[in-house]
Protein backbone atom coordinates (compact mmCIF):
# COMPACT_ATOMS: atom_id res chain seq x y z
CA UNK A 1 106.71 146.54 72.07
CA UNK A 2 108.03 143.72 74.43
CA UNK A 3 106.38 140.47 73.78
CA UNK A 4 104.95 139.58 77.61
CA UNK A 5 106.50 136.52 79.04
CA UNK A 6 104.37 132.99 77.84
CA UNK A 7 103.72 131.21 80.97
CA UNK A 8 105.32 127.44 80.83
CA UNK A 9 102.24 124.41 80.60
CA UNK A 10 101.56 123.26 84.06
CA UNK A 11 101.07 119.64 83.74
CA UNK A 12 101.22 117.53 86.77
CA UNK A 13 101.30 113.92 87.16
CA UNK A 14 98.48 111.99 88.50
CA UNK A 15 98.80 110.74 91.95
CA UNK A 16 96.21 108.02 91.47
CA UNK A 17 97.59 107.17 88.10
CA UNK A 18 96.11 103.31 87.42
CA UNK A 19 99.38 102.39 85.20
CA UNK A 20 101.94 100.83 87.36
CA UNK A 21 105.37 101.71 85.90
CA UNK A 22 108.12 99.28 86.66
CA UNK A 23 112.19 100.38 86.63
CA UNK A 24 112.18 98.47 83.61
CA UNK A 25 109.40 100.76 81.43
CA UNK A 26 110.89 103.81 83.46
CA UNK A 27 114.46 102.72 82.57
CA UNK A 28 113.36 102.39 78.53
CA UNK A 29 111.04 105.66 78.72
CA UNK A 30 113.85 107.90 79.53
CA UNK A 31 116.62 105.86 77.05
CA UNK A 32 114.09 106.97 74.32
CA UNK A 33 113.30 110.28 74.97
CA UNK A 34 116.89 111.02 75.70
CA UNK A 35 118.42 108.92 72.45
CA UNK A 36 115.19 109.23 69.89
CA UNK A 37 113.30 112.55 71.55
CA UNK A 38 109.32 112.86 72.06
CA UNK A 39 107.08 111.01 70.28
CA UNK A 40 103.01 110.28 71.00
CA UNK A 41 101.26 112.78 73.00
CA UNK A 42 100.03 112.56 76.28
CA UNK A 43 96.51 112.98 77.90
CA UNK A 44 95.63 116.01 80.76
CA UNK A 45 92.71 117.37 82.07
CA UNK A 46 91.76 120.87 82.23
CA UNK A 47 93.18 121.38 85.23
CA UNK A 48 96.53 120.14 83.92
CA UNK A 49 96.43 116.47 85.95
CA UNK A 50 97.98 113.58 83.52
CA UNK A 51 95.20 111.31 82.36
CA UNK A 52 97.24 109.04 80.53
CA UNK A 53 101.34 108.93 79.70
CA UNK A 54 102.04 109.85 83.13
CA UNK A 55 105.64 107.65 83.04
CA UNK A 56 106.67 109.28 79.99
CA UNK A 57 105.46 112.43 81.43
CA UNK A 58 107.29 111.67 84.61
CA UNK A 59 110.71 111.30 82.50
CA UNK A 60 110.20 114.02 80.09
CA UNK A 61 109.77 116.41 83.54
CA UNK A 62 113.37 114.69 84.96
CA UNK A 63 115.33 115.58 81.63
CA UNK A 64 113.42 118.96 81.62
CA UNK A 65 111.73 118.68 78.34
CA UNK A 66 109.74 121.22 76.99
CA UNK A 67 105.72 120.77 76.88
CA UNK A 68 103.67 121.72 74.56
CA UNK A 69 99.74 121.82 75.03
CA UNK A 70 97.26 121.31 72.49
CA UNK A 71 93.97 122.09 73.91
CA UNK A 72 91.38 120.31 72.83
CA UNK A 73 88.09 119.34 73.31
CA UNK A 74 88.03 115.60 72.15
CA UNK A 75 86.55 116.11 68.41
CA UNK A 76 89.97 116.43 66.76
CA UNK A 77 92.71 113.23 67.09
CA UNK A 78 96.21 114.75 67.80
CA UNK A 79 99.15 113.90 65.89
CA UNK A 80 102.65 114.44 66.98
CA UNK A 81 104.41 115.06 63.54
CA UNK A 82 107.84 114.96 63.52
CA UNK A 83 108.99 116.95 60.87
CA UNK A 84 112.98 115.75 61.36
CA UNK A 85 112.19 111.91 60.87
CA UNK A 86 111.73 110.45 57.20
CA UNK A 87 109.42 107.35 56.71
CA UNK A 88 111.69 103.74 56.33
CA UNK A 89 114.45 105.18 57.68
CA UNK A 90 116.22 103.35 60.38
CA UNK A 91 115.09 106.03 62.80
CA UNK A 92 111.63 106.18 61.92
CA UNK A 93 111.85 101.90 62.23
CA UNK A 94 113.57 101.96 65.60
CA UNK A 95 110.71 104.68 67.01
CA UNK A 96 107.84 102.56 66.09
CA UNK A 97 109.66 99.81 67.33
CA UNK A 98 110.98 101.45 70.79
CA UNK A 99 107.24 102.48 71.25
CA UNK A 100 105.55 99.37 70.87
CA UNK A 101 108.54 97.35 72.54
CA UNK A 102 107.86 100.04 75.78
CA UNK A 103 104.39 99.36 75.53
CA UNK A 104 104.37 95.50 75.96
CA UNK A 105 106.95 96.53 79.47
CA UNK A 106 103.72 98.11 81.40
CA UNK A 107 100.92 96.04 80.23
CA UNK A 108 98.70 94.15 82.89
CA UNK A 109 100.64 96.65 85.32
CA UNK A 110 98.03 97.70 86.86
CA UNK A 111 97.19 99.78 90.64
CA UNK A 112 94.62 97.26 91.73
CA UNK A 113 93.67 99.28 94.63
CA UNK A 114 92.34 102.77 92.79
CA UNK A 115 91.13 100.78 89.72
CA UNK A 116 88.04 98.91 92.07
CA UNK A 117 87.70 101.70 94.33
CA UNK A 118 86.62 104.01 90.87
CA UNK A 119 85.47 101.63 88.68
CA UNK A 120 82.23 99.46 88.72
CA UNK A 121 82.96 95.57 87.22
CA UNK A 122 81.07 96.69 84.54
CA UNK A 123 82.82 99.44 83.17
CA UNK A 124 86.20 96.94 84.13
CA UNK A 125 84.62 94.50 81.52
CA UNK A 126 84.08 96.98 78.73
CA UNK A 127 87.49 97.74 79.01
CA UNK A 128 88.56 93.98 79.35
CA UNK A 129 90.03 94.96 82.40
CA UNK A 130 89.92 92.05 84.97
CA UNK A 131 91.62 90.92 88.29
CA UNK A 132 91.61 87.58 89.52
CA UNK A 133 90.89 87.61 93.40
CA UNK A 134 93.39 84.54 93.67
CA UNK A 135 97.18 85.73 94.43
CA UNK A 136 99.56 83.19 92.51
CA UNK A 137 100.61 82.10 96.42
CA UNK A 138 96.63 81.04 97.03
CA UNK A 139 97.52 79.05 93.76
CA UNK A 140 100.59 77.63 94.35
CA UNK A 141 99.47 76.15 98.07
CA UNK A 142 96.07 74.76 96.48
CA UNK A 143 98.07 73.06 94.44
CA UNK A 144 97.06 74.40 91.53
CA UNK A 145 100.37 75.02 89.70
CA UNK A 146 102.90 71.88 88.86
CA UNK A 147 106.17 72.58 89.78
CA UNK A 148 108.77 71.05 87.73
CA UNK A 149 112.06 71.39 89.05
CA UNK A 150 115.24 69.30 87.44
CA UNK A 151 118.40 69.11 89.99
CA UNK A 152 120.25 69.43 86.88
CA UNK A 153 119.24 72.42 84.97
CA UNK A 154 119.29 76.43 85.94
CA UNK A 155 115.95 77.11 85.32
CA UNK A 156 112.64 75.29 86.58
CA UNK A 157 109.25 75.51 85.28
CA UNK A 158 105.54 76.04 86.92
CA UNK A 159 102.70 75.84 84.98
CA UNK A 160 99.57 77.86 85.29
CA UNK A 161 96.38 76.91 84.79
CA UNK A 162 93.87 79.60 83.68
CA UNK A 163 90.13 79.78 83.52
CA UNK A 164 88.68 78.82 79.89
CA UNK A 165 86.91 81.68 79.30
CA UNK A 166 90.55 83.40 79.15
CA UNK A 167 92.10 80.74 76.72
CA UNK A 168 91.53 83.21 73.45
CA UNK A 169 93.97 85.46 75.43
CA UNK A 170 96.56 83.45 77.13
CA UNK A 171 97.24 82.26 73.17
CA UNK A 172 96.86 85.32 71.87
CA UNK A 173 99.61 87.01 74.91
CA UNK A 174 102.13 83.85 74.26
CA UNK A 175 101.77 84.42 70.34
CA UNK A 176 102.40 87.92 70.32
CA UNK A 177 104.62 88.50 73.25
CA UNK A 178 106.36 85.29 73.69
CA UNK A 179 106.90 82.67 76.24
CA UNK A 180 111.18 84.22 77.63
CA UNK A 181 109.19 88.07 77.87
CA UNK A 182 106.23 86.99 80.00
CA UNK A 183 108.25 84.99 82.29
CA UNK A 184 110.92 88.02 81.96
CA UNK A 185 107.88 89.89 83.38
CA UNK A 186 106.93 87.59 85.88
CA UNK A 187 110.05 87.38 87.47
CA UNK A 188 110.53 91.40 87.12
CA UNK A 189 106.91 91.43 89.20
CA UNK A 190 108.63 89.38 91.87
CA UNK A 191 111.44 90.86 92.43
CA UNK A 192 110.23 94.30 92.36
CA UNK A 193 108.39 93.27 95.36
CA UNK A 194 110.85 91.94 97.06
CA UNK A 195 112.56 94.60 99.22
CA UNK A 196 115.82 93.55 98.76
CA UNK A 197 116.40 92.21 95.32
């Protein structure tokens, strides 16, 4: 008696994903899958819509990586255990490094329109997600950003002023991420919005 053909799981991308994945983030996700294989699990609803992990799902689908669905109702923590990787090896270390580095490249990249449509202020505050009303240009035109340009240098600096209530968060982000990486992220955002960049 032949075995019944097993159906492939149908997990689809969320068209209203709250996270905006930059080209840098997508490239790193694809590179990680290609070089290191799959690591973390993603989250899907009962109807198969991806709720968390759209970026990695998109790249996995492009690379035709098979999906393995673990069904649960949230009362168990699903663990992805890579049996081919031993703790302390260079591959294990690189997987941990890549996971955290890739997460950093999508930090603070939100689809503000969808988030504000779907959640009230109290819910966004509960998860420490707040958007400022003023844009970078508004702040620049209001003179709240000081532009320091040295004509003999190939760089220029802009000073940002933050509300006092965010002081600890800003300092923590600078300490954890570093000025150079934050500056690169700002530049990536600007270039991503430029049509001919």
